[in-house]
Amino acid sequence: MGMGKETRVRIAKRAAGELKDGMAVNLGIGIPTQVADYVPEGIDVVFHAENGILRAGGAPLPGEEDAFLCNAGGYPVTITDGASYCDSSIAFAMIRRGCIDITILGALEVSEQGDLANWIVPGKRVAGIGGAMELAQKAKKVIVLMNHVNRQGESKVKKQCDLPLTARACVKMIITEMAVMEVTDQGLLLKEIMLPYTIEAVVSHTEAALIIPENIAYIP
């Protein structure tokens, strides 16, 4: 199921709240790219792109796009003070060396153990795997932004992923239009609920088992 612009912005803003000063952050395509537009005031992060940008910025204003400046997904970006460029081999070496503090990715499915499926739907043509597998394995924290259910209304937060995995037990946090969930050693913890959804609505749309604490935060 699709989601409107306001909902995507809401998810991106919540994800931006996980950023801390001085972090190196990689953003996947889709909703994650919008996170760069909502970095909290006073927080300076280095956005990394696999195609070779350090200190990428948010999206340019309409009409101010630079045809030669884009992120790894091919979407126009800006750069911030101190930006630098490198080739893709160096950009990937940064990932493989464990230099990325957070990667924020889209997903097709996530399991309650934090398994991630986001690179292929069997029978569908895709452009390529991209950097997802290495980011999922090497980033210090993996956050997923996605719809809570698919186009058929089925939960994308699963007991076990049905689609081919990108990486096992890598996801630490899931943010959807309904809720914020954290993958813990005890299971999937329901941390926050996006209003106007309720606990009952989130549980009924989630295949995975959820740990429900006594005090849950509600995001207006």
N, C-alpha and C. Protein backbone atom coordinates (compact mmCIF):
# COMPACT_ATOMS: atom_id res chain seq x y z
N MET A 1 0.84 -1.19 0.00
CA MET A 1 0.00 0.00 0.00
C MET A 1 0.87 1.24 0.00
N GLY A 2 0.50 2.25 -0.80
CA GLY A 2 1.26 3.47 -0.85
C GLY A 2 0.95 4.37 0.34
N MET A 3 1.73 5.42 0.45
CA MET A 3 1.48 6.38 1.52
C MET A 3 1.67 7.78 0.97
N GLY A 4 0.95 8.74 1.57
CA GLY A 4 1.01 10.11 1.10
C GLY A 4 2.29 10.83 1.50
N LYS A 5 2.46 12.02 0.94
CA LYS A 5 3.66 12.81 1.18
C LYS A 5 3.82 13.13 2.66
N GLU A 6 2.73 13.54 3.32
CA GLU A 6 2.82 13.91 4.73
C GLU A 6 3.25 12.73 5.59
N THR A 7 2.79 11.54 5.26
CA THR A 7 3.16 10.35 6.02
C THR A 7 4.64 10.03 5.83
N ARG A 8 5.12 10.15 4.59
CA ARG A 8 6.54 9.90 4.34
C ARG A 8 7.42 10.89 5.10
N VAL A 9 6.99 12.15 5.12
CA VAL A 9 7.74 13.17 5.86
C VAL A 9 7.75 12.85 7.35
N ARG A 10 6.62 12.42 7.86
CA ARG A 10 6.52 12.07 9.29
C ARG A 10 7.49 10.95 9.66
N ILE A 11 7.57 9.94 8.82
CA ILE A 11 8.50 8.83 9.06
C ILE A 11 9.94 9.31 8.98
N ALA A 12 10.24 10.13 7.97
CA ALA A 12 11.61 10.64 7.81
C ALA A 12 12.02 11.49 9.00
N LYS A 13 11.11 12.33 9.49
CA LYS A 13 11.42 13.17 10.65
C LYS A 13 11.70 12.32 11.88
N ARG A 14 10.92 11.25 12.05
CA ARG A 14 11.16 10.40 13.23
C ARG A 14 12.51 9.70 13.12
N ALA A 15 12.86 9.28 11.92
CA ALA A 15 14.16 8.63 11.73
C ALA A 15 15.29 9.62 11.99
N ALA A 16 15.11 10.87 11.58
CA ALA A 16 16.14 11.89 11.79
C ALA A 16 16.41 12.11 13.28
N GLY A 17 15.42 11.81 14.11
CA GLY A 17 15.59 11.94 15.55
C GLY A 17 16.60 10.95 16.13
N GLU A 18 16.98 9.94 15.35
CA GLU A 18 17.98 8.96 15.79
C GLU A 18 19.41 9.42 15.52
N LEU A 19 19.57 10.51 14.78
CA LEU A 19 20.90 10.97 14.41
C LEU A 19 21.54 11.74 15.55
N LYS A 20 22.82 11.52 15.73
CA LYS A 20 23.58 12.22 16.77
C LYS A 20 24.79 12.92 16.13
N ASP A 21 25.21 13.98 16.80
CA ASP A 21 26.28 14.82 16.28
C ASP A 21 27.53 14.00 15.96
N GLY A 22 28.08 14.23 14.77
CA GLY A 22 29.32 13.59 14.38
C GLY A 22 29.18 12.25 13.69
N MET A 23 27.95 11.75 13.54
CA MET A 23 27.74 10.44 12.92
C MET A 23 28.02 10.47 11.42
N ALA A 24 28.45 9.32 10.90
CA ALA A 24 28.51 9.07 9.47
C ALA A 24 27.27 8.25 9.12
N VAL A 25 26.46 8.74 8.19
CA VAL A 25 25.13 8.17 7.93
C VAL A 25 24.96 7.90 6.44
N ASN A 26 24.44 6.72 6.12
CA ASN A 26 24.13 6.37 4.74
C ASN A 26 22.62 6.25 4.59
N LEU A 27 22.07 6.83 3.54
CA LEU A 27 20.63 6.81 3.30
C LEU A 27 20.31 6.00 2.05
N GLY A 28 19.39 5.06 2.19
CA GLY A 28 18.92 4.28 1.05
C GLY A 28 17.93 5.08 0.23
N ILE A 29 17.48 4.50 -0.89
CA ILE A 29 16.53 5.19 -1.76
C ILE A 29 15.13 5.14 -1.17
N GLY A 30 14.24 6.00 -1.67
CA GLY A 30 12.88 6.05 -1.17
C GLY A 30 12.78 7.02 0.01
N ILE A 31 11.97 6.67 1.00
CA ILE A 31 11.76 7.53 2.16
C ILE A 31 13.08 7.91 2.84
N PRO A 32 14.06 6.99 2.97
CA PRO A 32 15.30 7.36 3.66
C PRO A 32 16.00 8.60 3.10
N THR A 33 15.88 8.85 1.79
CA THR A 33 16.57 10.02 1.23
C THR A 33 16.05 11.32 1.84
N GLN A 34 14.80 11.31 2.32
CA GLN A 34 14.21 12.53 2.88
C GLN A 34 14.75 12.85 4.28
N VAL A 35 15.41 11.90 4.91
CA VAL A 35 15.92 12.13 6.26
C VAL A 35 16.89 13.30 6.28
N ALA A 36 17.66 13.47 5.20
CA ALA A 36 18.64 14.56 5.13
C ALA A 36 17.99 15.93 5.22
N ASP A 37 16.69 16.02 4.92
CA ASP A 37 15.99 17.30 4.97
C ASP A 37 15.51 17.66 6.39
N TYR A 38 15.64 16.73 7.34
CA TYR A 38 15.05 16.95 8.66
C TYR A 38 16.03 16.68 9.81
N VAL A 39 17.31 16.91 9.55
CA VAL A 39 18.31 16.74 10.61
C VAL A 39 18.02 17.77 11.71
N PRO A 40 17.94 17.34 12.97
CA PRO A 40 17.64 18.29 14.06
C PRO A 40 18.66 19.42 14.13
N GLU A 41 18.19 20.58 14.53
CA GLU A 41 19.05 21.76 14.64
C GLU A 41 20.18 21.49 15.64
N GLY A 42 21.38 21.90 15.27
CA GLY A 42 22.53 21.71 16.14
C GLY A 42 23.23 20.38 15.98
N ILE A 43 22.69 19.52 15.11
CA ILE A 43 23.29 18.21 14.86
C ILE A 43 24.01 18.24 13.51
N ASP A 44 25.29 17.91 13.52
CA ASP A 44 26.09 17.88 12.30
C ASP A 44 26.45 16.43 11.99
N VAL A 45 25.92 15.90 10.89
CA VAL A 45 26.23 14.54 10.48
C VAL A 45 26.85 14.54 9.09
N VAL A 46 27.61 13.51 8.80
CA VAL A 46 28.24 13.35 7.49
C VAL A 46 27.44 12.32 6.72
N PHE A 47 26.69 12.78 5.71
CA PHE A 47 25.93 11.85 4.88
C PHE A 47 26.84 11.27 3.80
N HIS A 48 26.85 9.95 3.75
CA HIS A 48 27.71 9.19 2.84
C HIS A 48 26.86 8.56 1.75
N ALA A 49 27.32 8.65 0.51
CA ALA A 49 26.63 8.00 -0.61
C ALA A 49 27.58 7.05 -1.31
N GLU A 50 27.09 5.88 -1.68
CA GLU A 50 27.95 4.86 -2.27
C GLU A 50 28.60 5.28 -3.58
N ASN A 51 27.99 6.25 -4.26
CA ASN A 51 28.59 6.69 -5.53
C ASN A 51 29.73 7.67 -5.31
N GLY A 52 30.06 7.97 -4.05
CA GLY A 52 31.27 8.72 -3.79
C GLY A 52 31.11 10.14 -3.30
N ILE A 53 30.13 10.39 -2.41
CA ILE A 53 29.96 11.71 -1.82
C ILE A 53 30.05 11.60 -0.30
N LEU A 54 30.81 12.49 0.30
CA LEU A 54 30.78 12.67 1.74
C LEU A 54 30.27 14.08 2.01
N ARG A 55 29.34 14.18 2.94
CA ARG A 55 28.63 15.42 3.26
C ARG A 55 27.64 15.80 2.17
N ALA A 56 26.89 14.82 1.71
CA ALA A 56 25.74 15.11 0.86
C ALA A 56 24.70 15.84 1.71
N GLY A 57 23.92 16.69 1.06
CA GLY A 57 22.88 17.42 1.77
C GLY A 57 21.49 16.94 1.37
N GLY A 58 20.51 17.76 1.65
CA GLY A 58 19.13 17.42 1.30
C GLY A 58 18.84 17.64 -0.17
N ALA A 59 17.58 17.49 -0.52
CA ALA A 59 17.16 17.66 -1.92
C ALA A 59 17.25 19.13 -2.31
N PRO A 60 17.65 19.42 -3.55
CA PRO A 60 17.70 20.82 -4.01
C PRO A 60 16.30 21.37 -4.23
N LEU A 61 16.19 22.69 -4.22
CA LEU A 61 14.92 23.32 -4.54
C LEU A 61 14.59 23.09 -6.00
N PRO A 62 13.31 23.04 -6.36
CA PRO A 62 12.94 22.85 -7.76
C PRO A 62 13.61 23.91 -8.65
N GLY A 63 14.24 23.45 -9.72
CA GLY A 63 14.92 24.34 -10.63
C GLY A 63 16.38 24.55 -10.30
N GLU A 64 16.81 24.08 -9.12
CA GLU A 64 18.21 24.26 -8.72
C GLU A 64 18.98 22.94 -8.75
N GLU A 65 18.45 21.93 -9.40
CA GLU A 65 19.11 20.64 -9.50
C GLU A 65 20.38 20.75 -10.34
N ASP A 66 21.40 20.03 -9.94
CA ASP A 66 22.64 19.93 -10.71
C ASP A 66 22.66 18.55 -11.36
N ALA A 67 22.68 18.54 -12.68
CA ALA A 67 22.61 17.27 -13.41
C ALA A 67 23.78 16.35 -13.11
N PHE A 68 24.86 16.89 -12.57
CA PHE A 68 26.05 16.09 -12.29
C PHE A 68 26.18 15.74 -10.81
N LEU A 69 25.16 16.06 -10.01
CA LEU A 69 25.23 15.82 -8.57
C LEU A 69 24.00 15.03 -8.13
N CYS A 70 24.21 13.75 -7.83
CA CYS A 70 23.10 12.90 -7.42
C CYS A 70 23.59 11.89 -6.39
N ASN A 71 22.64 11.24 -5.73
CA ASN A 71 23.01 10.19 -4.78
C ASN A 71 23.10 8.85 -5.49
N ALA A 72 23.30 7.79 -4.73
CA ALA A 72 23.49 6.47 -5.33
C ALA A 72 22.24 5.97 -6.04
N GLY A 73 21.08 6.52 -5.68
CA GLY A 73 19.84 6.14 -6.36
C GLY A 73 19.56 6.95 -7.60
N GLY A 74 20.44 7.93 -7.90
CA GLY A 74 20.27 8.76 -9.08
C GLY A 74 19.42 9.99 -8.86
N TYR A 75 19.05 10.27 -7.59
CA TYR A 75 18.21 11.43 -7.29
C TYR A 75 19.07 12.65 -6.99
N PRO A 76 18.65 13.85 -7.41
CA PRO A 76 19.45 15.06 -7.17
C PRO A 76 19.64 15.32 -5.68
N VAL A 77 20.84 15.74 -5.31
CA VAL A 77 21.13 16.12 -3.93
C VAL A 77 21.91 17.43 -3.94
N THR A 78 22.09 17.98 -2.76
CA THR A 78 22.97 19.11 -2.58
C THR A 78 24.19 18.62 -1.81
N ILE A 79 25.14 19.51 -1.57
CA ILE A 79 26.26 19.18 -0.69
C ILE A 79 26.36 20.26 0.38
N THR A 80 27.00 19.91 1.50
CA THR A 80 27.16 20.86 2.59
C THR A 80 28.64 21.24 2.71
N ASP A 81 28.91 22.23 3.55
CA ASP A 81 30.29 22.72 3.71
C ASP A 81 31.22 21.57 4.08
N GLY A 82 32.36 21.52 3.40
CA GLY A 82 33.35 20.49 3.69
C GLY A 82 33.14 19.22 2.89
N ALA A 83 32.22 19.24 1.92
CA ALA A 83 31.94 18.04 1.13
C ALA A 83 33.16 17.62 0.32
N SER A 84 33.25 16.33 0.08
CA SER A 84 34.34 15.80 -0.76
C SER A 84 33.81 14.64 -1.58
N TYR A 85 34.59 14.27 -2.60
CA TYR A 85 34.19 13.22 -3.52
C TYR A 85 35.26 12.14 -3.58
N CYS A 86 34.82 10.93 -3.88
CA CYS A 86 35.75 9.83 -4.08
C CYS A 86 35.11 8.87 -5.07
N ASP A 87 35.86 7.85 -5.51
CA ASP A 87 35.23 6.88 -6.40
C ASP A 87 34.47 5.83 -5.58
N SER A 88 33.69 5.02 -6.26
CA SER A 88 32.83 4.06 -5.56
C SER A 88 33.62 3.03 -4.77
N SER A 89 34.82 2.67 -5.25
CA SER A 89 35.60 1.68 -4.51
C SER A 89 35.99 2.21 -3.13
N ILE A 90 36.31 3.48 -3.04
CA ILE A 90 36.65 4.08 -1.74
C ILE A 90 35.40 4.20 -0.88
N ALA A 91 34.28 4.59 -1.51
CA ALA A 91 33.03 4.72 -0.77
C ALA A 91 32.62 3.38 -0.16
N PHE A 92 32.80 2.29 -0.93
CA PHE A 92 32.46 0.97 -0.41
C PHE A 92 33.48 0.49 0.61
N ALA A 93 34.72 0.91 0.46
CA ALA A 93 35.73 0.55 1.46
C ALA A 93 35.37 1.14 2.82
N MET A 94 34.79 2.34 2.80
CA MET A 94 34.33 2.96 4.06
C MET A 94 33.25 2.11 4.72
N ILE A 95 32.36 1.57 3.90
CA ILE A 95 31.30 0.71 4.42
C ILE A 95 31.90 -0.57 5.00
N ARG A 96 32.75 -1.22 4.21
CA ARG A 96 33.31 -2.52 4.61
C ARG A 96 34.22 -2.40 5.82
N ARG A 97 34.80 -1.24 6.02
CA ARG A 97 35.69 -1.02 7.17
C ARG A 97 34.89 -0.73 8.44
N GLY A 98 33.56 -0.57 8.31
CA GLY A 98 32.73 -0.31 9.49
C GLY A 98 32.70 1.15 9.90
N CYS A 99 32.90 2.05 8.93
CA CYS A 99 32.94 3.49 9.24
C CYS A 99 31.56 4.14 9.29
N ILE A 100 30.51 3.41 8.88
CA ILE A 100 29.16 3.99 8.85
C ILE A 100 28.46 3.72 10.18
N ASP A 101 28.06 4.79 10.86
CA ASP A 101 27.39 4.65 12.16
C ASP A 101 25.96 4.16 12.01
N ILE A 102 25.23 4.74 11.06
CA ILE A 102 23.84 4.36 10.83
C ILE A 102 23.59 4.27 9.33
N THR A 103 22.90 3.23 8.91
CA THR A 103 22.33 3.22 7.57
C THR A 103 20.82 3.13 7.72
N ILE A 104 20.12 3.94 6.94
CA ILE A 104 18.66 3.98 6.97
C ILE A 104 18.17 3.50 5.62
N LEU A 105 17.48 2.36 5.62
CA LEU A 105 17.13 1.66 4.39
C LEU A 105 15.63 1.45 4.26
N GLY A 106 15.18 1.25 3.05
CA GLY A 106 13.84 0.75 2.81
C GLY A 106 13.85 -0.76 2.89
N ALA A 107 12.66 -1.37 2.93
CA ALA A 107 12.61 -2.84 3.02
C ALA A 107 11.32 -3.36 2.43
N LEU A 108 11.40 -4.60 1.96
CA LEU A 108 10.21 -5.34 1.53
C LEU A 108 9.62 -6.12 2.69
N GLU A 109 10.51 -6.68 3.53
CA GLU A 109 10.09 -7.42 4.73
C GLU A 109 11.19 -7.33 5.79
N VAL A 110 10.78 -7.35 7.05
CA VAL A 110 11.71 -7.48 8.17
C VAL A 110 11.11 -8.50 9.13
N SER A 111 11.95 -9.40 9.65
CA SER A 111 11.45 -10.39 10.60
C SER A 111 11.62 -9.89 12.02
N GLU A 112 10.98 -10.59 12.96
CA GLU A 112 11.07 -10.20 14.36
C GLU A 112 12.48 -10.40 14.93
N GLN A 113 13.32 -11.17 14.22
CA GLN A 113 14.72 -11.34 14.63
C GLN A 113 15.63 -10.26 14.01
N GLY A 114 15.06 -9.38 13.17
CA GLY A 114 15.85 -8.36 12.51
C GLY A 114 16.41 -8.77 11.16
N ASP A 115 15.95 -9.91 10.62
CA ASP A 115 16.36 -10.30 9.27
C ASP A 115 15.77 -9.30 8.27
N LEU A 116 16.54 -8.97 7.24
CA LEU A 116 16.14 -7.97 6.26
C LEU A 116 16.02 -8.56 4.87
N ALA A 117 14.90 -8.28 4.20
CA ALA A 117 14.72 -8.64 2.79
C ALA A 117 14.38 -7.35 2.05
N ASN A 118 15.31 -6.90 1.20
CA ASN A 118 15.02 -5.64 0.50
C ASN A 118 15.67 -5.53 -0.88
N TRP A 119 16.12 -6.67 -1.42
CA TRP A 119 16.84 -6.52 -2.68
C TRP A 119 16.17 -7.13 -3.89
N ILE A 120 15.25 -8.05 -3.72
CA ILE A 120 14.62 -8.64 -4.90
C ILE A 120 13.29 -9.28 -4.54
N VAL A 121 12.35 -9.20 -5.48
CA VAL A 121 11.12 -9.99 -5.44
C VAL A 121 11.27 -11.04 -6.52
N PRO A 122 11.20 -12.33 -6.18
CA PRO A 122 11.38 -13.37 -7.19
C PRO A 122 10.49 -13.15 -8.41
N GLY A 123 11.08 -13.23 -9.59
CA GLY A 123 10.33 -13.05 -10.83
C GLY A 123 10.29 -11.62 -11.32
N LYS A 124 10.74 -10.67 -10.50
CA LYS A 124 10.75 -9.27 -10.90
C LYS A 124 12.14 -8.86 -11.35
N ARG A 125 12.21 -7.95 -12.31
CA ARG A 125 13.50 -7.45 -12.76
C ARG A 125 13.96 -6.32 -11.84
N VAL A 126 15.22 -6.36 -11.49
CA VAL A 126 15.79 -5.30 -10.65
C VAL A 126 17.07 -4.79 -11.30
N ALA A 127 17.43 -3.54 -10.97
CA ALA A 127 18.63 -2.95 -11.56
C ALA A 127 19.91 -3.57 -10.99
N GLY A 128 19.83 -4.06 -9.78
CA GLY A 128 21.02 -4.66 -9.16
C GLY A 128 20.90 -4.63 -7.66
N ILE A 129 21.80 -5.33 -7.00
CA ILE A 129 21.74 -5.42 -5.54
C ILE A 129 22.11 -4.10 -4.89
N GLY A 130 23.03 -3.36 -5.51
CA GLY A 130 23.46 -2.10 -4.91
C GLY A 130 24.30 -2.35 -3.67
N GLY A 131 24.26 -1.41 -2.72
CA GLY A 131 25.09 -1.52 -1.53
C GLY A 131 24.37 -2.09 -0.33
N ALA A 132 23.13 -2.54 -0.51
CA ALA A 132 22.31 -2.94 0.63
C ALA A 132 22.94 -4.06 1.46
N MET A 133 23.48 -5.08 0.79
CA MET A 133 24.02 -6.22 1.53
C MET A 133 25.19 -5.83 2.41
N GLU A 134 26.09 -5.01 1.85
CA GLU A 134 27.25 -4.60 2.65
C GLU A 134 26.85 -3.63 3.75
N LEU A 135 25.96 -2.70 3.45
CA LEU A 135 25.49 -1.77 4.47
C LEU A 135 24.80 -2.51 5.61
N ALA A 136 23.95 -3.47 5.26
CA ALA A 136 23.21 -4.21 6.28
C ALA A 136 24.14 -4.98 7.21
N GLN A 137 25.23 -5.48 6.68
CA GLN A 137 26.16 -6.27 7.48
C GLN A 137 27.19 -5.43 8.23
N LYS A 138 27.58 -4.28 7.67
CA LYS A 138 28.72 -3.55 8.21
C LYS A 138 28.37 -2.28 8.98
N ALA A 139 27.22 -1.67 8.72
CA ALA A 139 26.86 -0.46 9.46
C ALA A 139 26.64 -0.80 10.93
N LYS A 140 26.97 0.14 11.81
CA LYS A 140 26.85 -0.12 13.24
C LYS A 140 25.39 -0.22 13.68
N LYS A 141 24.49 0.49 12.97
CA LYS A 141 23.07 0.40 13.28
C LYS A 141 22.28 0.48 11.98
N VAL A 142 21.32 -0.42 11.82
CA VAL A 142 20.47 -0.44 10.63
C VAL A 142 19.05 -0.08 11.05
N ILE A 143 18.52 0.98 10.43
CA ILE A 143 17.14 1.40 10.66
C ILE A 143 16.37 1.22 9.37
N VAL A 144 15.19 0.62 9.45
CA VAL A 144 14.35 0.41 8.27
C VAL A 144 13.15 1.34 8.31
N LEU A 145 12.88 2.00 7.19
CA LEU A 145 11.67 2.81 7.01
C LEU A 145 10.84 2.16 5.92
N MET A 146 9.58 1.87 6.21
CA MET A 146 8.77 1.17 5.22
C MET A 146 7.29 1.25 5.56
N ASN A 147 6.44 0.87 4.61
CA ASN A 147 5.02 0.66 4.89
C ASN A 147 4.87 -0.49 5.87
N HIS A 148 3.85 -0.42 6.71
CA HIS A 148 3.61 -1.50 7.67
C HIS A 148 3.06 -2.75 6.97
N VAL A 149 2.28 -2.52 5.90
CA VAL A 149 1.70 -3.65 5.15
C VAL A 149 2.00 -3.46 3.67
N ASN A 150 1.90 -4.56 2.92
CA ASN A 150 2.14 -4.49 1.48
C ASN A 150 0.85 -4.14 0.73
N ARG A 151 0.90 -4.17 -0.59
CA ARG A 151 -0.25 -3.77 -1.40
C ARG A 151 -1.43 -4.71 -1.24
N GLN A 152 -1.15 -5.92 -0.77
CA GLN A 152 -2.24 -6.87 -0.52
C GLN A 152 -2.78 -6.76 0.90
N GLY A 153 -2.25 -5.81 1.67
CA GLY A 153 -2.69 -5.63 3.04
C GLY A 153 -2.05 -6.59 4.03
N GLU A 154 -1.00 -7.30 3.59
CA GLU A 154 -0.31 -8.26 4.45
C GLU A 154 0.84 -7.59 5.18
N SER A 155 1.07 -8.00 6.40
CA SER A 155 2.12 -7.41 7.21
C SER A 155 3.49 -7.58 6.57
N LYS A 156 4.29 -6.52 6.62
CA LYS A 156 5.69 -6.59 6.18
C LYS A 156 6.62 -6.81 7.37
N VAL A 157 6.05 -6.79 8.57
CA VAL A 157 6.80 -7.09 9.79
C VAL A 157 6.47 -8.54 10.15
N LYS A 158 7.36 -9.46 9.80
CA LYS A 158 7.04 -10.88 9.75
C LYS A 158 7.66 -11.68 10.90
N LYS A 159 7.09 -12.85 11.13
CA LYS A 159 7.76 -13.81 12.01
C LYS A 159 9.05 -14.30 11.35
N GLN A 160 8.93 -14.68 10.09
CA GLN A 160 10.07 -15.06 9.26
C GLN A 160 9.87 -14.44 7.89
N CYS A 161 10.93 -13.92 7.29
CA CYS A 161 10.82 -13.33 5.96
C CYS A 161 10.53 -14.41 4.92
N ASP A 162 9.64 -14.11 3.99
CA ASP A 162 9.34 -15.03 2.89
C ASP A 162 10.24 -14.76 1.69
N LEU A 163 10.68 -13.53 1.52
CA LEU A 163 11.50 -13.14 0.38
C LEU A 163 12.98 -13.43 0.65
N PRO A 164 13.79 -13.51 -0.40
CA PRO A 164 15.23 -13.75 -0.21
C PRO A 164 15.85 -12.68 0.69
N LEU A 165 16.69 -13.12 1.61
CA LEU A 165 17.27 -12.21 2.59
C LEU A 165 18.42 -11.39 2.02
N THR A 166 18.50 -10.17 2.50
CA THR A 166 19.66 -9.31 2.26
C THR A 166 20.74 -9.61 3.29
N ALA A 167 20.32 -9.72 4.56
CA ALA A 167 21.23 -10.05 5.66
C ALA A 167 20.39 -10.52 6.84
N ARG A 168 21.00 -11.34 7.68
CA ARG A 168 20.31 -11.85 8.86
C ARG A 168 20.59 -10.99 10.09
N ALA A 169 19.59 -10.86 10.93
CA ALA A 169 19.72 -10.24 12.26
C ALA A 169 20.51 -8.93 12.23
N CYS A 170 20.20 -8.08 11.27
CA CYS A 170 20.94 -6.83 11.12
C CYS A 170 20.13 -5.60 11.53
N VAL A 171 18.81 -5.65 11.40
CA VAL A 171 17.96 -4.49 11.67
C VAL A 171 17.82 -4.28 13.17
N LYS A 172 17.98 -3.02 13.60
CA LYS A 172 17.83 -2.67 15.01
C LYS A 172 16.55 -1.91 15.30
N MET A 173 16.03 -1.21 14.28
CA MET A 173 14.82 -0.41 14.48
C MET A 173 14.00 -0.39 13.20
N ILE A 174 12.67 -0.44 13.35
CA ILE A 174 11.74 -0.37 12.23
C ILE A 174 10.80 0.80 12.49
N ILE A 175 10.67 1.68 11.48
CA ILE A 175 9.74 2.81 11.59
C ILE A 175 8.77 2.72 10.42
N THR A 176 7.49 2.64 10.73
CA THR A 176 6.45 2.60 9.69
C THR A 176 5.47 3.74 9.93
N GLU A 177 4.44 3.81 9.08
CA GLU A 177 3.42 4.83 9.28
C GLU A 177 2.56 4.55 10.51
N MET A 178 2.70 3.35 11.08
CA MET A 178 1.92 2.99 12.26
C MET A 178 2.70 3.05 13.56
N ALA A 179 3.98 2.67 13.52
CA ALA A 179 4.68 2.45 14.78
C ALA A 179 6.20 2.50 14.63
N VAL A 180 6.85 2.58 15.79
CA VAL A 180 8.30 2.45 15.89
C VAL A 180 8.58 1.20 16.72
N MET A 181 9.35 0.27 16.17
CA MET A 181 9.64 -0.99 16.84
C MET A 181 11.15 -1.18 16.93
N GLU A 182 11.60 -1.74 18.03
CA GLU A 182 13.03 -1.99 18.24
C GLU A 182 13.27 -3.48 18.37
N VAL A 183 14.26 -3.98 17.64
CA VAL A 183 14.63 -5.39 17.72
C VAL A 183 15.54 -5.58 18.94
N THR A 184 15.10 -6.40 19.88
CA THR A 184 15.88 -6.64 21.10
C THR A 184 16.17 -8.14 21.23
N ASP A 185 17.00 -8.48 22.21
CA ASP A 185 17.32 -9.89 22.46
C ASP A 185 16.08 -10.65 22.92
N GLN A 186 15.12 -9.94 23.50
CA GLN A 186 13.90 -10.58 23.99
C GLN A 186 12.81 -10.68 22.92
N GLY A 187 12.96 -9.90 21.84
CA GLY A 187 11.96 -9.91 20.80
C GLY A 187 11.73 -8.51 20.26
N LEU A 188 10.64 -8.33 19.53
CA LEU A 188 10.34 -7.06 18.88
C LEU A 188 9.53 -6.18 19.83
N LEU A 189 10.15 -5.07 20.24
CA LEU A 189 9.55 -4.18 21.23
C LEU A 189 8.80 -3.05 20.54
N LEU A 190 7.53 -2.89 20.88
CA LEU A 190 6.72 -1.79 20.36
C LEU A 190 7.02 -0.55 21.20
N LYS A 191 7.77 0.40 20.64
CA LYS A 191 8.22 1.56 21.41
C LYS A 191 7.27 2.75 21.31
N GLU A 192 6.81 3.03 20.09
CA GLU A 192 5.99 4.22 19.86
C GLU A 192 4.90 3.90 18.84
N ILE A 193 3.80 4.66 18.95
CA ILE A 193 2.70 4.49 18.01
C ILE A 193 2.43 5.83 17.34
N MET A 194 2.26 5.79 16.04
CA MET A 194 1.93 6.99 15.27
C MET A 194 0.41 7.21 15.32
N LEU A 195 0.00 8.30 15.91
CA LEU A 195 -1.44 8.61 15.93
C LEU A 195 -1.92 8.85 14.50
N PRO A 196 -3.16 8.46 14.17
CA PRO A 196 -4.24 8.04 15.07
C PRO A 196 -4.31 6.54 15.31
N TYR A 197 -3.25 5.79 14.99
CA TYR A 197 -3.29 4.35 15.20
C TYR A 197 -3.29 4.01 16.68
N THR A 198 -3.76 2.83 16.99
CA THR A 198 -3.84 2.35 18.36
C THR A 198 -3.00 1.09 18.52
N ILE A 199 -2.80 0.67 19.77
CA ILE A 199 -2.08 -0.58 20.01
C ILE A 199 -2.77 -1.73 19.29
N GLU A 200 -4.09 -1.77 19.39
CA GLU A 200 -4.84 -2.86 18.77
C GLU A 200 -4.66 -2.88 17.25
N ALA A 201 -4.64 -1.69 16.64
CA ALA A 201 -4.47 -1.61 15.19
C ALA A 201 -3.09 -2.10 14.78
N VAL A 202 -2.06 -1.69 15.53
CA VAL A 202 -0.70 -2.12 15.21
C VAL A 202 -0.57 -3.63 15.35
N VAL A 203 -1.07 -4.17 16.44
CA VAL A 203 -0.98 -5.62 16.67
C VAL A 203 -1.70 -6.39 15.58
N SER A 204 -2.88 -5.91 15.17
CA SER A 204 -3.67 -6.64 14.17
C SER A 204 -3.03 -6.60 12.78
N HIS A 205 -2.16 -5.62 12.55
CA HIS A 205 -1.50 -5.51 11.24
C HIS A 205 -0.06 -6.00 11.27
N THR A 206 0.33 -6.65 12.35
CA THR A 206 1.71 -7.13 12.51
C THR A 206 1.73 -8.63 12.68
N GLU A 207 2.39 -9.32 11.75
CA GLU A 207 2.48 -10.78 11.85
C GLU A 207 3.42 -11.20 12.98
N ALA A 208 4.50 -10.45 13.16
CA ALA A 208 5.47 -10.78 14.21
C ALA A 208 4.86 -10.58 15.59
N ALA A 209 5.39 -11.32 16.55
CA ALA A 209 4.97 -11.11 17.93
C ALA A 209 5.58 -9.82 18.45
N LEU A 210 4.80 -9.05 19.20
CA LEU A 210 5.26 -7.77 19.73
C LEU A 210 5.31 -7.80 21.25
N ILE A 211 6.36 -7.22 21.80
CA ILE A 211 6.43 -6.97 23.24
C ILE A 211 5.81 -5.60 23.48
N ILE A 212 4.80 -5.54 24.32
CA ILE A 212 4.09 -4.28 24.55
C ILE A 212 4.37 -3.79 25.97
N PRO A 213 5.15 -2.73 26.13
CA PRO A 213 5.46 -2.22 27.45
C PRO A 213 4.27 -1.49 28.07
N GLU A 214 4.35 -1.21 29.36
CA GLU A 214 3.26 -0.53 30.04
C GLU A 214 3.09 0.89 29.52
N ASN A 215 4.21 1.57 29.27
CA ASN A 215 4.15 2.96 28.81
C ASN A 215 4.67 3.06 27.38
N ILE A 216 3.77 3.36 26.46
CA ILE A 216 4.13 3.52 25.06
C ILE A 216 3.97 4.98 24.69
N ALA A 217 4.95 5.53 24.00
CA ALA A 217 4.87 6.92 23.55
C ALA A 217 3.99 6.99 22.30
N TYR A 218 3.26 8.08 22.18
CA TYR A 218 2.42 8.32 21.02
C TYR A 218 2.94 9.53 20.26
N ILE A 219 3.13 9.38 18.95
CA ILE A 219 3.66 10.45 18.12
C ILE A 219 2.49 11.17 17.45
N PRO A 220 2.31 12.46 17.73
CA PRO A 220 1.16 13.18 17.15
C PRO A 220 1.31 13.39 15.65
